Amino acid sequence: MIRASLNLLRALTLIAASVALAAQAIAICSNAWLYSIELMPNPRYNGTGDREYLSKHTVSGLWRLCYNDRKYQTSSHILPSLSYL
């Protein structure tokens, strides 16, 4: 019984390490691995037609920060490069 538990733990450790290594490789190689939506209070909200919160969509990666302002129909992407040196 103990032998089977140890073999299972070894297999799970190998699988978890492989998944962690793959996730780290994707994060380093890709420019779009973090997608976030931020809800900001709408200063013009008065309880009628306007939405209570405005949403800001952000896509960022290790080497680049991109955000898309979906308020405008023409998708304006701003892609500043991040200088680490």
PDB file of N, CA and C in Angstrom:
ATOM      1  N   MET A   1       0.822  -1.197   0.000  1.00  0.00           N
ATOM      2  CA  MET A   1       0.000   0.000   0.000  1.00  0.00           C
ATOM      3  C   MET A   1       0.864   1.258   0.000  1.00  0.00           C
ATOM      4  N   ILE A   2       1.900   1.258   0.819  1.00  0.00           N
ATOM      5  CA  ILE A   2       2.789   2.415   0.875  1.00  0.00           C
ATOM      6  C   ILE A   2       3.539   2.562  -0.442  1.00  0.00           C
ATOM      7  N   ARG A   3       3.914   1.449  -1.035  1.00  0.00           N
ATOM      8  CA  ARG A   3       4.641   1.465  -2.305  1.00  0.00           C
ATOM      9  C   ARG A   3       3.782   2.089  -3.413  1.00  0.00           C
ATOM     10  N   ALA A   4       2.505   1.752  -3.426  1.00  0.00           N
ATOM     11  CA  ALA A   4       1.592   2.310  -4.424  1.00  0.00           C
ATOM     12  C   ALA A   4       1.403   3.809  -4.207  1.00  0.00           C
ATOM     13  N   SER A   5       1.326   4.237  -2.957  1.00  0.00           N
ATOM     14  CA  SER A   5       1.185   5.664  -2.662  1.00  0.00           C
ATOM     15  C   SER A   5       2.412   6.444  -3.107  1.00  0.00           C
ATOM     16  N   LEU A   6       3.594   5.877  -2.882  1.00  0.00           N
ATOM     17  CA  LEU A   6       4.824   6.548  -3.315  1.00  0.00           C
ATOM     18  C   LEU A   6       4.898   6.641  -4.832  1.00  0.00           C
ATOM     19  N   ASN A   7       4.500   5.594  -5.527  1.00  0.00           N
ATOM     20  CA  ASN A   7       4.504   5.634  -6.992  1.00  0.00           C
ATOM     21  C   ASN A   7       3.511   6.674  -7.514  1.00  0.00           C
ATOM     22  N   LEU A   8       2.355   6.762  -6.872  1.00  0.00           N
ATOM     23  CA  LEU A   8       1.373   7.768  -7.270  1.00  0.00           C
ATOM     24  C   LEU A   8       1.904   9.182  -7.034  1.00  0.00           C
ATOM     25  N   LEU A   9       2.544   9.412  -5.894  1.00  0.00           N
ATOM     26  CA  LEU A   9       3.119  10.730  -5.610  1.00  0.00           C
ATOM     27  C   LEU A   9       4.229  11.082  -6.585  1.00  0.00           C
ATOM     28  N   ARG A  10       5.040  10.122  -6.955  1.00  0.00           N
ATOM     29  CA  ARG A  10       6.096  10.378  -7.948  1.00  0.00           C
ATOM     30  C   ARG A  10       5.499  10.756  -9.296  1.00  0.00           C
ATOM     31  N   ALA A  11       4.455  10.052  -9.702  1.00  0.00           N
ATOM     32  CA  ALA A  11       3.812  10.358 -10.982  1.00  0.00           C
ATOM     33  C   ALA A  11       3.161  11.742 -10.944  1.00  0.00           C
ATOM     34  N   LEU A  12       2.471  12.059  -9.856  1.00  0.00           N
ATOM     35  CA  LEU A  12       1.836  13.373  -9.742  1.00  0.00           C
ATOM     36  C   LEU A  12       2.860  14.502  -9.693  1.00  0.00           C
ATOM     37  N   THR A  13       3.995  14.260  -9.056  1.00  0.00           N
ATOM     38  CA  THR A  13       5.058  15.266  -9.015  1.00  0.00           C
ATOM     39  C   THR A  13       5.601  15.526 -10.408  1.00  0.00           C
ATOM     40  N   LEU A  14       5.801  14.473 -11.180  1.00  0.00           N
ATOM     41  CA  LEU A  14       6.296  14.620 -12.549  1.00  0.00           C
ATOM     42  C   LEU A  14       5.294  15.384 -13.412  1.00  0.00           C
ATOM     43  N   ILE A  15       4.017  15.073 -13.269  1.00  0.00           N
ATOM     44  CA  ILE A  15       2.981  15.757 -14.053  1.00  0.00           C
ATOM     45  C   ILE A  15       2.892  17.232 -13.656  1.00  0.00           C
ATOM     46  N   ALA A  16       2.902  17.521 -12.366  1.00  0.00           N
ATOM     47  CA  ALA A  16       2.814  18.910 -11.904  1.00  0.00           C
ATOM     48  C   ALA A  16       4.026  19.722 -12.342  1.00  0.00           C
ATOM     49  N   ALA A  17       5.201  19.128 -12.289  1.00  0.00           N
ATOM     50  CA  ALA A  17       6.409  19.830 -12.728  1.00  0.00           C
ATOM     51  C   ALA A  17       6.371  20.098 -14.225  1.00  0.00           C
ATOM     52  N   SER A  18       5.860  19.152 -14.997  1.00  0.00           N
ATOM     53  CA  SER A  18       5.759  19.349 -16.446  1.00  0.00           C
ATOM     54  C   SER A  18       4.775  20.462 -16.788  1.00  0.00           C
ATOM     55  N   VAL A  19       3.650  20.501 -16.097  1.00  0.00           N
ATOM     56  CA  VAL A  19       2.664  21.559 -16.336  1.00  0.00           C
ATOM     57  C   VAL A  19       3.237  22.921 -15.949  1.00  0.00           C
ATOM     58  N   ALA A  20       3.952  22.988 -14.842  1.00  0.00           N
ATOM     59  CA  ALA A  20       4.557  24.250 -14.411  1.00  0.00           C
ATOM     60  C   ALA A  20       5.610  24.721 -15.405  1.00  0.00           C
ATOM     61  N   LEU A  21       6.405  23.814 -15.919  1.00  0.00           N
ATOM     62  CA  LEU A  21       7.425  24.170 -16.907  1.00  0.00           C
ATOM     63  C   LEU A  21       6.785  24.651 -18.203  1.00  0.00           C
ATOM     64  N   ALA A  22       5.711  23.998 -18.632  1.00  0.00           N
ATOM     65  CA  ALA A  22       5.014  24.427 -19.847  1.00  0.00           C
ATOM     66  C   ALA A  22       4.387  25.810 -19.658  1.00  0.00           C
ATOM     67  N   ALA A  23       3.790  26.060 -18.503  1.00  0.00           N
ATOM     68  CA  ALA A  23       3.189  27.373 -18.239  1.00  0.00           C
ATOM     69  C   ALA A  23       4.241  28.469 -18.207  1.00  0.00           C
ATOM     70  N   GLN A  24       5.390  28.176 -17.648  1.00  0.00           N
ATOM     71  CA  GLN A  24       6.468  29.159 -17.607  1.00  0.00           C
ATOM     72  C   GLN A  24       7.017  29.424 -19.006  1.00  0.00           C
ATOM     73  N   ALA A  25       7.130  28.399 -19.825  1.00  0.00           N
ATOM     74  CA  ALA A  25       7.600  28.583 -21.201  1.00  0.00           C
ATOM     75  C   ALA A  25       6.615  29.425 -22.002  1.00  0.00           C
ATOM     76  N   ILE A  26       5.328  29.195 -21.817  1.00  0.00           N
ATOM     77  CA  ILE A  26       4.318  30.001 -22.513  1.00  0.00           C
ATOM     78  C   ILE A  26       4.388  31.454 -22.059  1.00  0.00           C
ATOM     79  N   ALA A  27       4.573  31.680 -20.770  1.00  0.00           N
ATOM     80  CA  ALA A  27       4.653  33.047 -20.246  1.00  0.00           C
ATOM     81  C   ALA A  27       5.861  33.784 -20.799  1.00  0.00           C
ATOM     82  N   ILE A  28       6.971  33.105 -20.961  1.00  0.00           N
ATOM     83  CA  ILE A  28       8.182  33.754 -21.463  1.00  0.00           C
ATOM     84  C   ILE A  28       8.092  34.002 -22.962  1.00  0.00           C
ATOM     85  N   CYS A  29       7.531  33.067 -23.717  1.00  0.00           N
ATOM     86  CA  CYS A  29       7.504  33.169 -25.180  1.00  0.00           C
ATOM     87  C   CYS A  29       6.346  34.000 -25.721  1.00  0.00           C
ATOM     88  N   SER A  30       5.290  34.143 -24.968  1.00  0.00           N
ATOM     89  CA  SER A  30       4.089  34.793 -25.475  1.00  0.00           C
ATOM     90  C   SER A  30       3.994  36.231 -24.976  1.00  0.00           C
ATOM     91  N   ASN A  31       3.332  37.062 -25.775  1.00  0.00           N
ATOM     92  CA  ASN A  31       3.097  38.446 -25.377  1.00  0.00           C
ATOM     93  C   ASN A  31       1.699  38.663 -24.832  1.00  0.00           C
ATOM     94  N   ALA A  32       0.884  37.643 -24.801  1.00  0.00           N
ATOM     95  CA  ALA A  32      -0.497  37.815 -24.356  1.00  0.00           C
ATOM     96  C   ALA A  32      -0.907  36.649 -23.474  1.00  0.00           C
ATOM     97  N   TRP A  33      -0.498  36.679 -22.246  1.00  0.00           N
ATOM     98  CA  TRP A  33      -0.842  35.573 -21.351  1.00  0.00           C
ATOM     99  C   TRP A  33      -1.639  36.008 -20.144  1.00  0.00           C
ATOM    100  N   LEU A  34      -1.860  37.301 -19.971  1.00  0.00           N
ATOM    101  CA  LEU A  34      -2.670  37.785 -18.859  1.00  0.00           C
ATOM    102  C   LEU A  34      -3.784  38.662 -19.421  1.00  0.00           C
ATOM    103  N   TYR A  35      -5.005  38.203 -19.299  1.00  0.00           N
ATOM    104  CA  TYR A  35      -6.171  38.945 -19.743  1.00  0.00           C
ATOM    105  C   TYR A  35      -6.930  39.410 -18.504  1.00  0.00           C
ATOM    106  N   SER A  36      -7.235  40.696 -18.438  1.00  0.00           N
ATOM    107  CA  SER A  36      -7.971  41.190 -17.276  1.00  0.00           C
ATOM    108  C   SER A  36      -9.009  42.219 -17.715  1.00  0.00           C
ATOM    109  N   ILE A  37     -10.069  42.298 -16.935  1.00  0.00           N
ATOM    110  CA  ILE A  37     -11.130  43.280 -17.147  1.00  0.00           C
ATOM    111  C   ILE A  37     -11.305  44.036 -15.838  1.00  0.00           C
ATOM    112  N   GLU A  38     -11.178  45.349 -15.917  1.00  0.00           N
ATOM    113  CA  GLU A  38     -11.317  46.188 -14.729  1.00  0.00           C
ATOM    114  C   GLU A  38     -12.597  47.002 -14.855  1.00  0.00           C
ATOM    115  N   LEU A  39     -13.415  46.964 -13.831  1.00  0.00           N
ATOM    116  CA  LEU A  39     -14.640  47.758 -13.807  1.00  0.00           C
ATOM    117  C   LEU A  39     -14.388  49.026 -13.007  1.00  0.00           C
ATOM    118  N   MET A  40     -14.528  50.174 -13.685  1.00  0.00           N
ATOM    119  CA  MET A  40     -14.302  51.467 -13.049  1.00  0.00           C
ATOM    120  C   MET A  40     -15.635  52.191 -12.919  1.00  0.00           C
ATOM    121  N   PRO A  41     -15.848  52.913 -11.823  1.00  0.00           N
ATOM    122  CA  PRO A  41     -17.106  53.656 -11.673  1.00  0.00           C
ATOM    123  C   PRO A  41     -17.252  54.716 -12.769  1.00  0.00           C
ATOM    124  N   ASN A  42     -18.441  54.815 -13.312  1.00  0.00           N
ATOM    125  CA  ASN A  42     -18.729  55.801 -14.344  1.00  0.00           C
ATOM    126  C   ASN A  42     -19.057  57.129 -13.667  1.00  0.00           C
ATOM    127  N   PRO A  43     -18.256  58.183 -13.897  1.00  0.00           N
ATOM    128  CA  PRO A  43     -18.531  59.463 -13.231  1.00  0.00           C
ATOM    129  C   PRO A  43     -19.812  60.130 -13.731  1.00  0.00           C
ATOM    130  N   ARG A  44     -20.296  59.744 -14.913  1.00  0.00           N
ATOM    131  CA  ARG A  44     -21.512  60.342 -15.460  1.00  0.00           C
ATOM    132  C   ARG A  44     -22.761  59.528 -15.147  1.00  0.00           C
ATOM    133  N   TYR A  45     -22.642  58.500 -14.333  1.00  0.00           N
ATOM    134  CA  TYR A  45     -23.795  57.645 -14.020  1.00  0.00           C
ATOM    135  C   TYR A  45     -24.756  58.388 -13.105  1.00  0.00           C
ATOM    136  N   ASN A  46     -26.018  58.455 -13.524  1.00  0.00           N
ATOM    137  CA  ASN A  46     -27.029  59.122 -12.698  1.00  0.00           C
ATOM    138  C   ASN A  46     -28.258  58.239 -12.500  1.00  0.00           C
ATOM    139  N   GLY A  47     -28.116  56.949 -12.723  1.00  0.00           N
ATOM    140  CA  GLY A  47     -29.220  56.026 -12.501  1.00  0.00           C
ATOM    141  C   GLY A  47     -30.131  55.839 -13.694  1.00  0.00           C
ATOM    142  N   THR A  48     -29.799  56.447 -14.838  1.00  0.00           N
ATOM    143  CA  THR A  48     -30.677  56.299 -16.001  1.00  0.00           C
ATOM    144  C   THR A  48     -29.973  55.520 -17.101  1.00  0.00           C
ATOM    145  N   GLY A  49     -29.682  56.158 -18.222  1.00  0.00           N
ATOM    146  CA  GLY A  49     -29.211  55.459 -19.412  1.00  0.00           C
ATOM    147  C   GLY A  49     -27.771  54.983 -19.383  1.00  0.00           C
ATOM    148  N   ASP A  50     -26.900  55.679 -18.683  1.00  0.00           N
ATOM    149  CA  ASP A  50     -25.490  55.288 -18.670  1.00  0.00           C
ATOM    150  C   ASP A  50     -25.277  54.054 -17.806  1.00  0.00           C
ATOM    151  N   ARG A  51     -24.206  53.339 -18.116  1.00  0.00           N
ATOM    152  CA  ARG A  51     -23.863  52.178 -17.298  1.00  0.00           C
ATOM    153  C   ARG A  51     -23.213  52.635 -15.999  1.00  0.00           C
ATOM    154  N   GLU A  52     -23.394  51.853 -14.948  1.00  0.00           N
ATOM    155  CA  GLU A  52     -22.830  52.215 -13.645  1.00  0.00           C
ATOM    156  C   GLU A  52     -21.316  52.053 -13.638  1.00  0.00           C
ATOM    157  N   TYR A  53     -20.817  51.058 -14.368  1.00  0.00           N
ATOM    158  CA  TYR A  53     -19.377  50.814 -14.420  1.00  0.00           C
ATOM    159  C   TYR A  53     -18.905  50.795 -15.865  1.00  0.00           C
ATOM    160  N   LEU A  54     -17.717  51.334 -16.098  1.00  0.00           N
ATOM    161  CA  LEU A  54     -17.058  51.254 -17.392  1.00  0.00           C
ATOM    162  C   LEU A  54     -16.016  50.150 -17.301  1.00  0.00           C
ATOM    163  N   SER A  55     -15.898  49.348 -18.345  1.00  0.00           N
ATOM    164  CA  SER A  55     -14.941  48.248 -18.288  1.00  0.00           C
ATOM    165  C   SER A  55     -13.715  48.573 -19.126  1.00  0.00           C
ATOM    166  N   LYS A  56     -12.565  48.245 -18.588  1.00  0.00           N
ATOM    167  CA  LYS A  56     -11.294  48.428 -19.279  1.00  0.00           C
ATOM    168  C   LYS A  56     -10.694  47.042 -19.486  1.00  0.00           C
ATOM    169  N   HIS A  57     -10.456  46.680 -20.737  1.00  0.00           N
ATOM    170  CA  HIS A  57      -9.908  45.378 -21.082  1.00  0.00           C
ATOM    171  C   HIS A  57      -8.406  45.520 -21.285  1.00  0.00           C
ATOM    172  N   THR A  58      -7.639  44.716 -20.592  1.00  0.00           N
ATOM    173  CA  THR A  58      -6.182  44.785 -20.672  1.00  0.00           C
ATOM    174  C   THR A  58      -5.627  43.415 -21.015  1.00  0.00           C
ATOM    175  N   VAL A  59      -4.695  43.399 -21.952  1.00  0.00           N
ATOM    176  CA  VAL A  59      -3.964  42.186 -22.301  1.00  0.00           C
ATOM    177  C   VAL A  59      -2.495  42.514 -22.125  1.00  0.00           C
ATOM    178  N   SER A  60      -1.808  41.749 -21.320  1.00  0.00           N
ATOM    179  CA  SER A  60      -0.396  42.041 -21.114  1.00  0.00           C
ATOM    180  C   SER A  60       0.408  40.757 -21.077  1.00  0.00           C
ATOM    181  N   GLY A  61       1.673  40.915 -21.297  1.00  0.00           N
ATOM    182  CA  GLY A  61       2.602  39.804 -21.274  1.00  0.00           C
ATOM    183  C   GLY A  61       3.899  40.235 -20.623  1.00  0.00           C
ATOM    184  N   LEU A  62       4.873  39.379 -20.695  1.00  0.00           N
ATOM    185  CA  LEU A  62       6.144  39.668 -20.059  1.00  0.00           C
ATOM    186  C   LEU A  62       6.905  40.757 -20.809  1.00  0.00           C
ATOM    187  N   TRP A  63       6.742  40.831 -22.112  1.00  0.00           N
ATOM    188  CA  TRP A  63       7.539  41.752 -22.933  1.00  0.00           C
ATOM    189  C   TRP A  63       6.754  42.943 -23.438  1.00  0.00           C
ATOM    190  N   ARG A  64       5.433  42.927 -23.327  1.00  0.00           N
ATOM    191  CA  ARG A  64       4.621  43.989 -23.912  1.00  0.00           C
ATOM    192  C   ARG A  64       3.347  44.162 -23.094  1.00  0.00           C
ATOM    193  N   LEU A  65       2.871  45.399 -23.025  1.00  0.00           N
ATOM    194  CA  LEU A  65       1.608  45.703 -22.355  1.00  0.00           C
ATOM    195  C   LEU A  65       0.655  46.263 -23.399  1.00  0.00           C
ATOM    196  N   CYS A  66      -0.474  45.600 -23.601  1.00  0.00           N
ATOM    197  CA  CYS A  66      -1.445  46.024 -24.602  1.00  0.00           C
ATOM    198  C   CYS A  66      -2.772  46.266 -23.913  1.00  0.00           C
ATOM    199  N   TYR A  67      -3.447  47.327 -24.312  1.00  0.00           N
ATOM    200  CA  TYR A  67      -4.812  47.463 -23.831  1.00  0.00           C
ATOM    201  C   TYR A  67      -5.688  47.938 -24.962  1.00  0.00           C
ATOM    202  N   ASN A  68      -6.916  47.516 -24.917  1.00  0.00           N
ATOM    203  CA  ASN A  68      -7.881  47.805 -25.957  1.00  0.00           C
ATOM    204  C   ASN A  68      -9.039  48.549 -25.326  1.00  0.00           C
ATOM    205  N   ASP A  69      -9.255  49.770 -25.756  1.00  0.00           N
ATOM    206  CA  ASP A  69     -10.362  50.560 -25.238  1.00  0.00           C
ATOM    207  C   ASP A  69     -11.596  50.237 -26.073  1.00  0.00           C
ATOM    208  N   ARG A  70     -12.466  49.391 -25.558  1.00  0.00           N
ATOM    209  CA  ARG A  70     -13.627  48.933 -26.320  1.00  0.00           C
ATOM    210  C   ARG A  70     -14.762  49.948 -26.332  1.00  0.00           C
ATOM    211  N   LYS A  71     -14.539  51.103 -25.749  1.00  0.00           N
ATOM    212  CA  LYS A  71     -15.560  52.142 -25.757  1.00  0.00           C
ATOM    213  C   LYS A  71     -15.773  52.645 -27.187  1.00  0.00           C
ATOM    214  N   TYR A  72     -14.722  52.656 -27.978  1.00  0.00           N
ATOM    215  CA  TYR A  72     -14.797  53.114 -29.352  1.00  0.00           C
ATOM    216  C   TYR A  72     -14.920  51.903 -30.266  1.00  0.00           C
ATOM    217  N   GLN A  73     -15.675  52.036 -31.330  1.00  0.00           N
ATOM    218  CA  GLN A  73     -15.876  50.914 -32.238  1.00  0.00           C
ATOM    219  C   GLN A  73     -14.611  50.588 -33.021  1.00  0.00           C
ATOM    220  N   THR A  74     -13.815  51.597 -33.357  1.00  0.00           N
ATOM    221  CA  THR A  74     -12.533  51.312 -33.999  1.00  0.00           C
ATOM    222  C   THR A  74     -11.594  50.830 -32.913  1.00  0.00           C
ATOM    223  N   SER A  75     -11.130  49.627 -33.044  1.00  0.00           N
ATOM    224  CA  SER A  75     -10.310  49.048 -31.970  1.00  0.00           C
ATOM    225  C   SER A  75      -8.952  49.727 -31.961  1.00  0.00           C
ATOM    226  N   SER A  76      -8.717  50.510 -30.945  1.00  0.00           N
ATOM    227  CA  SER A  76      -7.447  51.215 -30.819  1.00  0.00           C
ATOM    228  C   SER A  76      -6.549  50.431 -29.876  1.00  0.00           C
ATOM    229  N   HIS A  77      -5.558  49.800 -30.433  1.00  0.00           N
ATOM    230  CA  HIS A  77      -4.614  49.034 -29.630  1.00  0.00           C
ATOM    231  C   HIS A  77      -3.387  49.892 -29.369  1.00  0.00           C
ATOM    232  N   ILE A  78      -2.984  49.978 -28.140  1.00  0.00           N
ATOM    233  CA  ILE A  78      -1.775  50.702 -27.781  1.00  0.00           C
ATOM    234  C   ILE A  78      -0.784  49.673 -27.288  1.00  0.00           C
ATOM    235  N   LEU A  79       0.360  49.570 -27.960  1.00  0.00           N
ATOM    236  CA  LEU A  79       1.326  48.519 -27.677  1.00  0.00           C
ATOM    237  C   LEU A  79       2.696  49.102 -27.349  1.00  0.00           C
ATOM    238  N   PRO A  80       2.886  49.639 -26.164  1.00  0.00           N
ATOM    239  CA  PRO A  80       4.227  50.122 -25.832  1.00  0.00           C
ATOM    240  C   PRO A  80       5.130  48.954 -25.455  1.00  0.00           C
ATOM    241  N   SER A  81       6.355  48.998 -25.918  1.00  0.00           N
ATOM    242  CA  SER A  81       7.314  47.973 -25.527  1.00  0.00           C
ATOM    243  C   SER A  81       7.865  48.301 -24.153  1.00  0.00           C
ATOM    244  N   LEU A  82       8.073  47.289 -23.363  1.00  0.00           N
ATOM    245  CA  LEU A  82       8.615  47.479 -22.027  1.00  0.00           C
ATOM    246  C   LEU A  82      10.120  47.287 -22.074  1.00  0.00           C
ATOM    247  N   SER A  83      10.843  48.272 -21.630  1.00  0.00           N
ATOM    248  CA  SER A  83      12.299  48.197 -21.637  1.00  0.00           C
ATOM    249  C   SER A  83      12.778  47.780 -20.256  1.00  0.00           C
ATOM    250  N   TYR A  84      13.420  46.638 -20.176  1.00  0.00           N
ATOM    251  CA  TYR A  84      13.905  46.140 -18.899  1.00  0.00           C
ATOM    252  C   TYR A  84      15.369  46.472 -18.660  1.00  0.00           C
ATOM    253  N   LEU A  85      16.029  47.029 -19.639  1.00  0.00           N
ATOM    254  CA  LEU A  85      17.452  47.335 -19.488  1.00  0.00           C
ATOM    255  C   LEU A  85      17.674  48.803 -19.271  1.00  0.00           C
TER     256      LEU A  85
END
